[in-house]
Amino acid sequence: MPPLPVLFGVAGLLALAAAVLPKLVADRPFSTPLVMLLAGLLLGLLPLPYLGDWASPAQHADVVESFTQLGIVLALAGAGLSVDRPFGLRR
């Protein structure tokens, strides 16, 4: 398992990005979730030596399932909150 300060650092950077990104991509054709998804893909592809078997989803299927359910609930809540927003190419 990675050291706790590394996990807190990554969580802090992601929280900062989640606070700043909506203002940066407001006038762009892509959304904040897309940018965060790409950032997660890039983070997942980084060769981090200290992760070892900790990063194996097959060994921690229950944790992966819980995070997946949480992600789906948050995505559905976000979609539900934006239902009344006008549809267009800029949004």
PDB file of N, CA and C in Angstrom:
ATOM      1  N   MET A   1       0.848  -1.181   0.000  1.00  0.00           N
ATOM      2  CA  MET A   1       0.000   0.000   0.000  1.00  0.00           C
ATOM      3  C   MET A   1       0.893   1.243   0.000  1.00  0.00           C
ATOM      4  N   PRO A   2       0.511   2.262  -0.786  1.00  0.00           N
ATOM      5  CA  PRO A   2       1.326   3.476  -0.823  1.00  0.00           C
ATOM      6  C   PRO A   2       1.321   4.175   0.524  1.00  0.00           C
ATOM      7  N   PRO A   3       2.354   4.963   0.771  1.00  0.00           N
ATOM      8  CA  PRO A   3       2.394   5.706   2.040  1.00  0.00           C
ATOM      9  C   PRO A   3       1.194   6.657   2.155  1.00  0.00           C
ATOM     10  N   LEU A   4       0.733   6.849   3.380  1.00  0.00           N
ATOM     11  CA  LEU A   4      -0.448   7.671   3.622  1.00  0.00           C
ATOM     12  C   LEU A   4      -0.284   9.113   3.142  1.00  0.00           C
ATOM     13  N   PRO A   5       0.876   9.760   3.321  1.00  0.00           N
ATOM     14  CA  PRO A   5       1.012  11.130   2.799  1.00  0.00           C
ATOM     15  C   PRO A   5       0.857  11.211   1.275  1.00  0.00           C
ATOM     16  N   VAL A   6       1.257  10.164   0.557  1.00  0.00           N
ATOM     17  CA  VAL A   6       1.093  10.154  -0.895  1.00  0.00           C
ATOM     18  C   VAL A   6      -0.389  10.100  -1.247  1.00  0.00           C
ATOM     19  N   LEU A   7      -1.140   9.257  -0.551  1.00  0.00           N
ATOM     20  CA  LEU A   7      -2.580   9.172  -0.793  1.00  0.00           C
ATOM     21  C   LEU A   7      -3.278  10.489  -0.483  1.00  0.00           C
ATOM     22  N   PHE A   8      -2.906  11.129   0.631  1.00  0.00           N
ATOM     23  CA  PHE A   8      -3.500  12.419   0.973  1.00  0.00           C
ATOM     24  C   PHE A   8      -3.106  13.486  -0.039  1.00  0.00           C
ATOM     25  N   GLY A   9      -1.885  13.437  -0.538  1.00  0.00           N
ATOM     26  CA  GLY A   9      -1.449  14.393  -1.554  1.00  0.00           C
ATOM     27  C   GLY A   9      -2.227  14.251  -2.844  1.00  0.00           C
ATOM     28  N   VAL A  10      -2.422  13.021  -3.290  1.00  0.00           N
ATOM     29  CA  VAL A  10      -3.194  12.777  -4.519  1.00  0.00           C
ATOM     30  C   VAL A  10      -4.643  13.202  -4.312  1.00  0.00           C
ATOM     31  N   ALA A  11      -5.222  12.883  -3.155  1.00  0.00           N
ATOM     32  CA  ALA A  11      -6.606  13.282  -2.877  1.00  0.00           C
ATOM     33  C   ALA A  11      -6.734  14.801  -2.843  1.00  0.00           C
ATOM     34  N   GLY A  12      -5.755  15.492  -2.274  1.00  0.00           N
ATOM     35  CA  GLY A  12      -5.784  16.946  -2.234  1.00  0.00           C
ATOM     36  C   GLY A  12      -5.673  17.561  -3.621  1.00  0.00           C
ATOM     37  N   LEU A  13      -4.802  17.009  -4.453  1.00  0.00           N
ATOM     38  CA  LEU A  13      -4.667  17.511  -5.819  1.00  0.00           C
ATOM     39  C   LEU A  13      -5.944  17.283  -6.625  1.00  0.00           C
ATOM     40  N   LEU A  14      -6.575  16.143  -6.430  1.00  0.00           N
ATOM     41  CA  LEU A  14      -7.834  15.879  -7.130  1.00  0.00           C
ATOM     42  C   LEU A  14      -8.945  16.808  -6.652  1.00  0.00           C
ATOM     43  N   ALA A  15      -8.989  17.104  -5.359  1.00  0.00           N
ATOM     44  CA  ALA A  15      -9.994  18.034  -4.844  1.00  0.00           C
ATOM     45  C   ALA A  15      -9.753  19.438  -5.391  1.00  0.00           C
ATOM     46  N   LEU A  16      -8.500  19.847  -5.454  1.00  0.00           N
ATOM     47  CA  LEU A  16      -8.170  21.152  -6.024  1.00  0.00           C
ATOM     48  C   LEU A  16      -8.545  21.213  -7.499  1.00  0.00           C
ATOM     49  N   ALA A  17      -8.262  20.147  -8.223  1.00  0.00           N
ATOM     50  CA  ALA A  17      -8.612  20.102  -9.644  1.00  0.00           C
ATOM     51  C   ALA A  17     -10.131  20.145  -9.825  1.00  0.00           C
ATOM     52  N   ALA A  18     -10.859  19.464  -8.959  1.00  0.00           N
ATOM     53  CA  ALA A  18     -12.320  19.471  -9.060  1.00  0.00           C
ATOM     54  C   ALA A  18     -12.892  20.857  -8.759  1.00  0.00           C
ATOM     55  N   ALA A  19     -12.190  21.652  -7.969  1.00  0.00           N
ATOM     56  CA  ALA A  19     -12.663  22.996  -7.661  1.00  0.00           C
ATOM     57  C   ALA A  19     -12.305  23.994  -8.760  1.00  0.00           C
ATOM     58  N   VAL A  20     -11.164  23.801  -9.409  1.00  0.00           N
ATOM     59  CA  VAL A  20     -10.665  24.771 -10.385  1.00  0.00           C
ATOM     60  C   VAL A  20     -11.125  24.452 -11.806  1.00  0.00           C
ATOM     61  N   LEU A  21     -11.230  23.168 -12.148  1.00  0.00           N
ATOM     62  CA  LEU A  21     -11.535  22.770 -13.514  1.00  0.00           C
ATOM     63  C   LEU A  21     -12.843  23.322 -14.085  1.00  0.00           C
ATOM     64  N   PRO A  22     -13.931  23.391 -13.334  1.00  0.00           N
ATOM     65  CA  PRO A  22     -15.161  23.917 -13.947  1.00  0.00           C
ATOM     66  C   PRO A  22     -15.003  25.326 -14.512  1.00  0.00           C
ATOM     67  N   LYS A  23     -14.194  26.158 -13.868  1.00  0.00           N
ATOM     68  CA  LYS A  23     -13.973  27.510 -14.382  1.00  0.00           C
ATOM     69  C   LYS A  23     -13.071  27.500 -15.606  1.00  0.00           C
ATOM     70  N   LEU A  24     -12.156  26.544 -15.658  1.00  0.00           N
ATOM     71  CA  LEU A  24     -11.235  26.484 -16.792  1.00  0.00           C
ATOM     72  C   LEU A  24     -11.886  25.928 -18.053  1.00  0.00           C
ATOM     73  N   VAL A  25     -12.846  25.044 -17.906  1.00  0.00           N
ATOM     74  CA  VAL A  25     -13.462  24.411 -19.080  1.00  0.00           C
ATOM     75  C   VAL A  25     -14.867  24.942 -19.356  1.00  0.00           C
ATOM     76  N   ALA A  26     -15.226  26.070 -18.764  1.00  0.00           N
ATOM     77  CA  ALA A  26     -16.586  26.599 -18.922  1.00  0.00           C
ATOM     78  C   ALA A  26     -16.912  26.924 -20.374  1.00  0.00           C
ATOM     79  N   ASP A  27     -15.979  27.469 -21.127  1.00  0.00           N
ATOM     80  CA  ASP A  27     -16.229  27.853 -22.514  1.00  0.00           C
ATOM     81  C   ASP A  27     -15.638  26.875 -23.513  1.00  0.00           C
ATOM     82  N   ARG A  28     -15.351  25.675 -23.078  1.00  0.00           N
ATOM     83  CA  ARG A  28     -14.758  24.666 -23.947  1.00  0.00           C
ATOM     84  C   ARG A  28     -15.804  23.623 -24.315  1.00  0.00           C
ATOM     85  N   PRO A  29     -15.587  22.880 -25.397  1.00  0.00           N
ATOM     86  CA  PRO A  29     -16.574  21.867 -25.802  1.00  0.00           C
ATOM     87  C   PRO A  29     -16.515  20.575 -24.984  1.00  0.00           C
ATOM     88  N   PHE A  30     -15.584  20.450 -24.034  1.00  0.00           N
ATOM     89  CA  PHE A  30     -15.521  19.242 -23.210  1.00  0.00           C
ATOM     90  C   PHE A  30     -15.856  19.611 -21.773  1.00  0.00           C
ATOM     91  N   SER A  31     -16.214  18.610 -20.983  1.00  0.00           N
ATOM     92  CA  SER A  31     -16.709  18.854 -19.634  1.00  0.00           C
ATOM     93  C   SER A  31     -15.671  18.474 -18.582  1.00  0.00           C
ATOM     94  N   THR A  32     -15.955  18.879 -17.365  1.00  0.00           N
ATOM     95  CA  THR A  32     -15.068  18.563 -16.242  1.00  0.00           C
ATOM     96  C   THR A  32     -14.958  17.050 -16.013  1.00  0.00           C
ATOM     97  N   PRO A  33     -16.054  16.275 -16.051  1.00  0.00           N
ATOM     98  CA  PRO A  33     -15.901  14.832 -15.859  1.00  0.00           C
ATOM     99  C   PRO A  33     -15.007  14.179 -16.912  1.00  0.00           C
ATOM    100  N   LEU A  34     -15.059  14.680 -18.145  1.00  0.00           N
ATOM    101  CA  LEU A  34     -14.195  14.122 -19.178  1.00  0.00           C
ATOM    102  C   LEU A  34     -12.728  14.394 -18.859  1.00  0.00           C
ATOM    103  N   VAL A  35     -12.419  15.592 -18.413  1.00  0.00           N
ATOM    104  CA  VAL A  35     -11.040  15.927 -18.052  1.00  0.00           C
ATOM    105  C   VAL A  35     -10.577  15.076 -16.876  1.00  0.00           C
ATOM    106  N   MET A  36     -11.458  14.896 -15.879  1.00  0.00           N
ATOM    107  CA  MET A  36     -11.088  14.071 -14.723  1.00  0.00           C
ATOM    108  C   MET A  36     -10.911  12.599 -15.118  1.00  0.00           C
ATOM    109  N   LEU A  37     -11.728  12.120 -16.053  1.00  0.00           N
ATOM    110  CA  LEU A  37     -11.591  10.749 -16.533  1.00  0.00           C
ATOM    111  C   LEU A  37     -10.250  10.566 -17.235  1.00  0.00           C
ATOM    112  N   LEU A  38      -9.878  11.513 -18.070  1.00  0.00           N
ATOM    113  CA  LEU A  38      -8.581  11.431 -18.752  1.00  0.00           C
ATOM    114  C   LEU A  38      -7.429  11.521 -17.757  1.00  0.00           C
ATOM    115  N   ALA A  39      -7.568  12.364 -16.745  1.00  0.00           N
ATOM    116  CA  ALA A  39      -6.532  12.454 -15.711  1.00  0.00           C
ATOM    117  C   ALA A  39      -6.408  11.127 -14.951  1.00  0.00           C
ATOM    118  N   GLY A  40      -7.536  10.488 -14.676  1.00  0.00           N
ATOM    119  CA  GLY A  40      -7.499   9.187 -14.005  1.00  0.00           C
ATOM    120  C   GLY A  40      -6.847   8.117 -14.862  1.00  0.00           C
ATOM    121  N   LEU A  41      -7.134   8.156 -16.162  1.00  0.00           N
ATOM    122  CA  LEU A  41      -6.482   7.204 -17.063  1.00  0.00           C
ATOM    123  C   LEU A  41      -4.976   7.414 -17.088  1.00  0.00           C
ATOM    124  N   LEU A  42      -4.563   8.672 -17.160  1.00  0.00           N
ATOM    125  CA  LEU A  42      -3.126   8.955 -17.161  1.00  0.00           C
ATOM    126  C   LEU A  42      -2.475   8.549 -15.847  1.00  0.00           C
ATOM    127  N   LEU A  43      -3.145   8.821 -14.735  1.00  0.00           N
ATOM    128  CA  LEU A  43      -2.601   8.398 -13.434  1.00  0.00           C
ATOM    129  C   LEU A  43      -2.496   6.882 -13.342  1.00  0.00           C
ATOM    130  N   GLY A  44      -3.488   6.192 -13.884  1.00  0.00           N
ATOM    131  CA  GLY A  44      -3.474   4.733 -13.851  1.00  0.00           C
ATOM    132  C   GLY A  44      -2.387   4.127 -14.718  1.00  0.00           C
ATOM    133  N   LEU A  45      -1.973   4.830 -15.749  1.00  0.00           N
ATOM    134  CA  LEU A  45      -0.936   4.312 -16.640  1.00  0.00           C
ATOM    135  C   LEU A  45       0.481   4.640 -16.183  1.00  0.00           C
ATOM    136  N   LEU A  46       0.611   5.495 -15.168  1.00  0.00           N
ATOM    137  CA  LEU A  46       1.943   5.839 -14.678  1.00  0.00           C
ATOM    138  C   LEU A  46       2.599   4.628 -14.027  1.00  0.00           C
ATOM    139  N   PRO A  47       3.868   4.408 -14.306  1.00  0.00           N
ATOM    140  CA  PRO A  47       4.567   3.267 -13.672  1.00  0.00           C
ATOM    141  C   PRO A  47       5.036   3.642 -12.263  1.00  0.00           C
ATOM    142  N   LEU A  48       4.175   3.470 -11.289  1.00  0.00           N
ATOM    143  CA  LEU A  48       4.521   3.786  -9.911  1.00  0.00           C
ATOM    144  C   LEU A  48       5.061   2.528  -9.232  1.00  0.00           C
ATOM    145  N   PRO A  49       6.323   2.541  -8.794  1.00  0.00           N
ATOM    146  CA  PRO A  49       6.968   1.314  -8.306  1.00  0.00           C
ATOM    147  C   PRO A  49       6.449   0.802  -6.971  1.00  0.00           C
ATOM    148  N   TYR A  50       5.912   1.653  -6.109  1.00  0.00           N
ATOM    149  CA  TYR A  50       5.563   1.217  -4.766  1.00  0.00           C
ATOM    150  C   TYR A  50       4.162   0.641  -4.655  1.00  0.00           C
ATOM    151  N   LEU A  51       3.396   0.599  -5.732  1.00  0.00           N
ATOM    152  CA  LEU A  51       2.035   0.093  -5.634  1.00  0.00           C
ATOM    153  C   LEU A  51       1.978  -1.417  -5.484  1.00  0.00           C
ATOM    154  N   GLY A  52       2.782  -2.125  -6.203  1.00  0.00           N
ATOM    155  CA  GLY A  52       2.801  -3.576  -6.087  1.00  0.00           C
ATOM    156  C   GLY A  52       1.467  -4.204  -6.394  1.00  0.00           C
ATOM    157  N   ASP A  53       1.033  -5.167  -5.569  1.00  0.00           N
ATOM    158  CA  ASP A  53      -0.246  -5.846  -5.774  1.00  0.00           C
ATOM    159  C   ASP A  53      -1.420  -5.029  -5.268  1.00  0.00           C
ATOM    160  N   TRP A  54      -1.169  -3.900  -4.627  1.00  0.00           N
ATOM    161  CA  TRP A  54      -2.242  -3.068  -4.100  1.00  0.00           C
ATOM    162  C   TRP A  54      -3.135  -2.554  -5.216  1.00  0.00           C
ATOM    163  N   ALA A  55      -2.551  -2.329  -6.401  1.00  0.00           N
ATOM    164  CA  ALA A  55      -3.313  -1.757  -7.510  1.00  0.00           C
ATOM    165  C   ALA A  55      -4.047  -2.810  -8.334  1.00  0.00           C
ATOM    166  N   SER A  56      -4.001  -4.056  -7.929  1.00  0.00           N
ATOM    167  CA  SER A  56      -4.669  -5.114  -8.678  1.00  0.00           C
ATOM    168  C   SER A  56      -6.156  -5.159  -8.315  1.00  0.00           C
ATOM    169  N   PRO A  57      -7.039  -4.799  -9.262  1.00  0.00           N
ATOM    170  CA  PRO A  57      -8.465  -4.806  -8.941  1.00  0.00           C
ATOM    171  C   PRO A  57      -9.011  -6.202  -8.668  1.00  0.00           C
ATOM    172  N   ALA A  58      -8.399  -7.228  -9.239  1.00  0.00           N
ATOM    173  CA  ALA A  58      -8.901  -8.586  -9.046  1.00  0.00           C
ATOM    174  C   ALA A  58      -8.756  -9.047  -7.592  1.00  0.00           C
ATOM    175  N   GLN A  59      -7.734  -8.561  -6.901  1.00  0.00           N
ATOM    176  CA  GLN A  59      -7.522  -8.968  -5.517  1.00  0.00           C
ATOM    177  C   GLN A  59      -8.406  -8.202  -4.536  1.00  0.00           C
ATOM    178  N   HIS A  60      -8.980  -7.093  -4.976  1.00  0.00           N
ATOM    179  CA  HIS A  60      -9.808  -6.262  -4.106  1.00  0.00           C
ATOM    180  C   HIS A  60     -11.154  -6.001  -4.787  1.00  0.00           C
ATOM    181  N   ALA A  61     -11.810  -7.056  -5.192  1.00  0.00           N
ATOM    182  CA  ALA A  61     -13.049  -6.928  -5.965  1.00  0.00           C
ATOM    183  C   ALA A  61     -14.154  -6.233  -5.171  1.00  0.00           C
ATOM    184  N   ASP A  62     -14.241  -6.459  -3.864  1.00  0.00           N
ATOM    185  CA  ASP A  62     -15.285  -5.829  -3.071  1.00  0.00           C
ATOM    186  C   ASP A  62     -15.099  -4.319  -2.992  1.00  0.00           C
ATOM    187  N   VAL A  63     -13.862  -3.863  -2.874  1.00  0.00           N
ATOM    188  CA  VAL A  63     -13.583  -2.421  -2.823  1.00  0.00           C
ATOM    189  C   VAL A  63     -13.858  -1.794  -4.183  1.00  0.00           C
ATOM    190  N   VAL A  64     -13.449  -2.467  -5.251  1.00  0.00           N
ATOM    191  CA  VAL A  64     -13.683  -1.957  -6.599  1.00  0.00           C
ATOM    192  C   VAL A  64     -15.177  -1.856  -6.871  1.00  0.00           C
ATOM    193  N   GLU A  65     -15.937  -2.849  -6.434  1.00  0.00           N
ATOM    194  CA  GLU A  65     -17.384  -2.825  -6.627  1.00  0.00           C
ATOM    195  C   GLU A  65     -18.026  -1.659  -5.873  1.00  0.00           C
ATOM    196  N   SER A  66     -17.570  -1.403  -4.653  1.00  0.00           N
ATOM    197  CA  SER A  66     -18.122  -0.293  -3.872  1.00  0.00           C
ATOM    198  C   SER A  66     -17.830   1.046  -4.526  1.00  0.00           C
ATOM    199  N   PHE A  67     -16.601   1.240  -5.002  1.00  0.00           N
ATOM    200  CA  PHE A  67     -16.254   2.494  -5.661  1.00  0.00           C
ATOM    201  C   PHE A  67     -16.993   2.642  -6.989  1.00  0.00           C
ATOM    202  N   THR A  68     -17.217   1.557  -7.677  1.00  0.00           N
ATOM    203  CA  THR A  68     -17.963   1.610  -8.922  1.00  0.00           C
ATOM    204  C   THR A  68     -19.408   2.023  -8.665  1.00  0.00           C
ATOM    205  N   GLN A  69     -20.016   1.457  -7.632  1.00  0.00           N
ATOM    206  CA  GLN A  69     -21.384   1.834  -7.276  1.00  0.00           C
ATOM    207  C   GLN A  69     -21.461   3.305  -6.881  1.00  0.00           C
ATOM    208  N   LEU A  70     -20.490   3.769  -6.123  1.00  0.00           N
ATOM    209  CA  LEU A  70     -20.457   5.174  -5.733  1.00  0.00           C
ATOM    210  C   LEU A  70     -20.323   6.078  -6.960  1.00  0.00           C
ATOM    211  N   GLY A  71     -19.469   5.697  -7.893  1.00  0.00           N
ATOM    212  CA  GLY A  71     -19.307   6.478  -9.121  1.00  0.00           C
ATOM    213  C   GLY A  71     -20.578   6.538  -9.942  1.00  0.00           C
ATOM    214  N   ILE A  72     -21.290   5.431 -10.015  1.00  0.00           N
ATOM    215  CA  ILE A  72     -22.547   5.408 -10.774  1.00  0.00           C
ATOM    216  C   ILE A  72     -23.592   6.287 -10.101  1.00  0.00           C
ATOM    217  N   VAL A  73     -23.692   6.232  -8.791  1.00  0.00           N
ATOM    218  CA  VAL A  73     -24.656   7.064  -8.071  1.00  0.00           C
ATOM    219  C   VAL A  73     -24.334   8.544  -8.274  1.00  0.00           C
ATOM    220  N   LEU A  74     -23.059   8.913  -8.186  1.00  0.00           N
ATOM    221  CA  LEU A  74     -22.675  10.313  -8.387  1.00  0.00           C
ATOM    222  C   LEU A  74     -22.927  10.760  -9.823  1.00  0.00           C
ATOM    223  N   ALA A  75     -22.661   9.894 -10.793  1.00  0.00           N
ATOM    224  CA  ALA A  75     -22.909  10.243 -12.194  1.00  0.00           C
ATOM    225  C   ALA A  75     -24.401  10.433 -12.453  1.00  0.00           C
ATOM    226  N   LEU A  76     -25.224   9.571 -11.894  1.00  0.00           N
ATOM    227  CA  LEU A  76     -26.671   9.716 -12.065  1.00  0.00           C
ATOM    228  C   LEU A  76     -27.192  10.967 -11.374  1.00  0.00           C
ATOM    229  N   ALA A  77     -26.647  11.294 -10.207  1.00  0.00           N
ATOM    230  CA  ALA A  77     -27.068  12.512  -9.513  1.00  0.00           C
ATOM    231  C   ALA A  77     -26.677  13.743 -10.332  1.00  0.00           C
ATOM    232  N   GLY A  78     -25.469  13.740 -10.893  1.00  0.00           N
ATOM    233  CA  GLY A  78     -25.045  14.862 -11.732  1.00  0.00           C
ATOM    234  C   GLY A  78     -25.887  14.994 -12.982  1.00  0.00           C
ATOM    235  N   ALA A  79     -26.245  13.884 -13.584  1.00  0.00           N
ATOM    236  CA  ALA A  79     -27.100  13.926 -14.772  1.00  0.00           C
ATOM    237  C   ALA A  79     -28.496  14.416 -14.405  1.00  0.00           C
ATOM    238  N   GLY A  80     -28.996  14.002 -13.264  1.00  0.00           N
ATOM    239  CA  GLY A  80     -30.316  14.453 -12.832  1.00  0.00           C
ATOM    240  C   GLY A  80     -30.348  15.936 -12.515  1.00  0.00           C
ATOM    241  N   LEU A  81     -29.261  16.469 -11.968  1.00  0.00           N
ATOM    242  CA  LEU A  81     -29.218  17.894 -11.657  1.00  0.00           C
ATOM    243  C   LEU A  81     -29.108  18.759 -12.909  1.00  0.00           C
ATOM    244  N   SER A  82     -28.620  18.200 -14.003  1.00  0.00           N
ATOM    245  CA  SER A  82     -28.438  18.996 -15.217  1.00  0.00           C
ATOM    246  C   SER A  82     -29.528  18.739 -16.251  1.00  0.00           C
ATOM    247  N   VAL A  83     -30.635  18.126 -15.864  1.00  0.00           N
ATOM    248  CA  VAL A  83     -31.700  17.806 -16.809  1.00  0.00           C
ATOM    249  C   VAL A  83     -32.345  19.068 -17.372  1.00  0.00           C
ATOM    250  N   ASP A  84     -32.554  20.097 -16.551  1.00  0.00           N
ATOM    251  CA  ASP A  84     -33.241  21.286 -17.022  1.00  0.00           C
ATOM    252  C   ASP A  84     -32.317  22.290 -17.705  1.00  0.00           C
ATOM    253  N   ARG A  85     -31.061  21.963 -17.862  1.00  0.00           N
ATOM    254  CA  ARG A  85     -30.110  22.841 -18.529  1.00  0.00           C
ATOM    255  C   ARG A  85     -30.341  22.795 -20.032  1.00  0.00           C
ATOM    256  N   PRO A  86     -30.280  23.934 -20.732  1.00  0.00           N
ATOM    257  CA  PRO A  86     -30.489  23.912 -22.183  1.00  0.00           C
ATOM    258  C   PRO A  86     -29.417  23.115 -22.903  1.00  0.00           C
ATOM    259  N   PHE A  87     -29.820  22.423 -23.942  1.00  0.00           N
ATOM    260  CA  PHE A  87     -28.899  21.574 -24.686  1.00  0.00           C
ATOM    261  C   PHE A  87     -28.312  22.367 -25.860  1.00  0.00           C
ATOM    262  N   GLY A  88     -27.014  22.197 -26.092  1.00  0.00           N
ATOM    263  CA  GLY A  88     -26.359  22.878 -27.199  1.00  0.00           C
ATOM    264  C   GLY A  88     -24.932  22.388 -27.342  1.00  0.00           C
ATOM    265  N   LEU A  89     -24.264  22.809 -28.390  1.00  0.00           N
ATOM    266  CA  LEU A  89     -22.891  22.372 -28.636  1.00  0.00           C
ATOM    267  C   LEU A  89     -21.921  22.918 -27.592  1.00  0.00           C
ATOM    268  N   ARG A  90     -22.192  24.045 -27.013  1.00  0.00           N
ATOM    269  CA  ARG A  90     -21.280  24.653 -26.051  1.00  0.00           C
ATOM    270  C   ARG A  90     -21.453  24.090 -24.648  1.00  0.00           C
ATOM    271  N   ARG A  91     -22.463  23.251 -24.425  1.00  0.00           N
ATOM    272  CA  ARG A  91     -22.697  22.723 -23.064  1.00  0.00           C
ATOM    273  C   ARG A  91     -22.605  21.252 -23.039  1.00  0.00           C
TER     274      ARG A  91
END
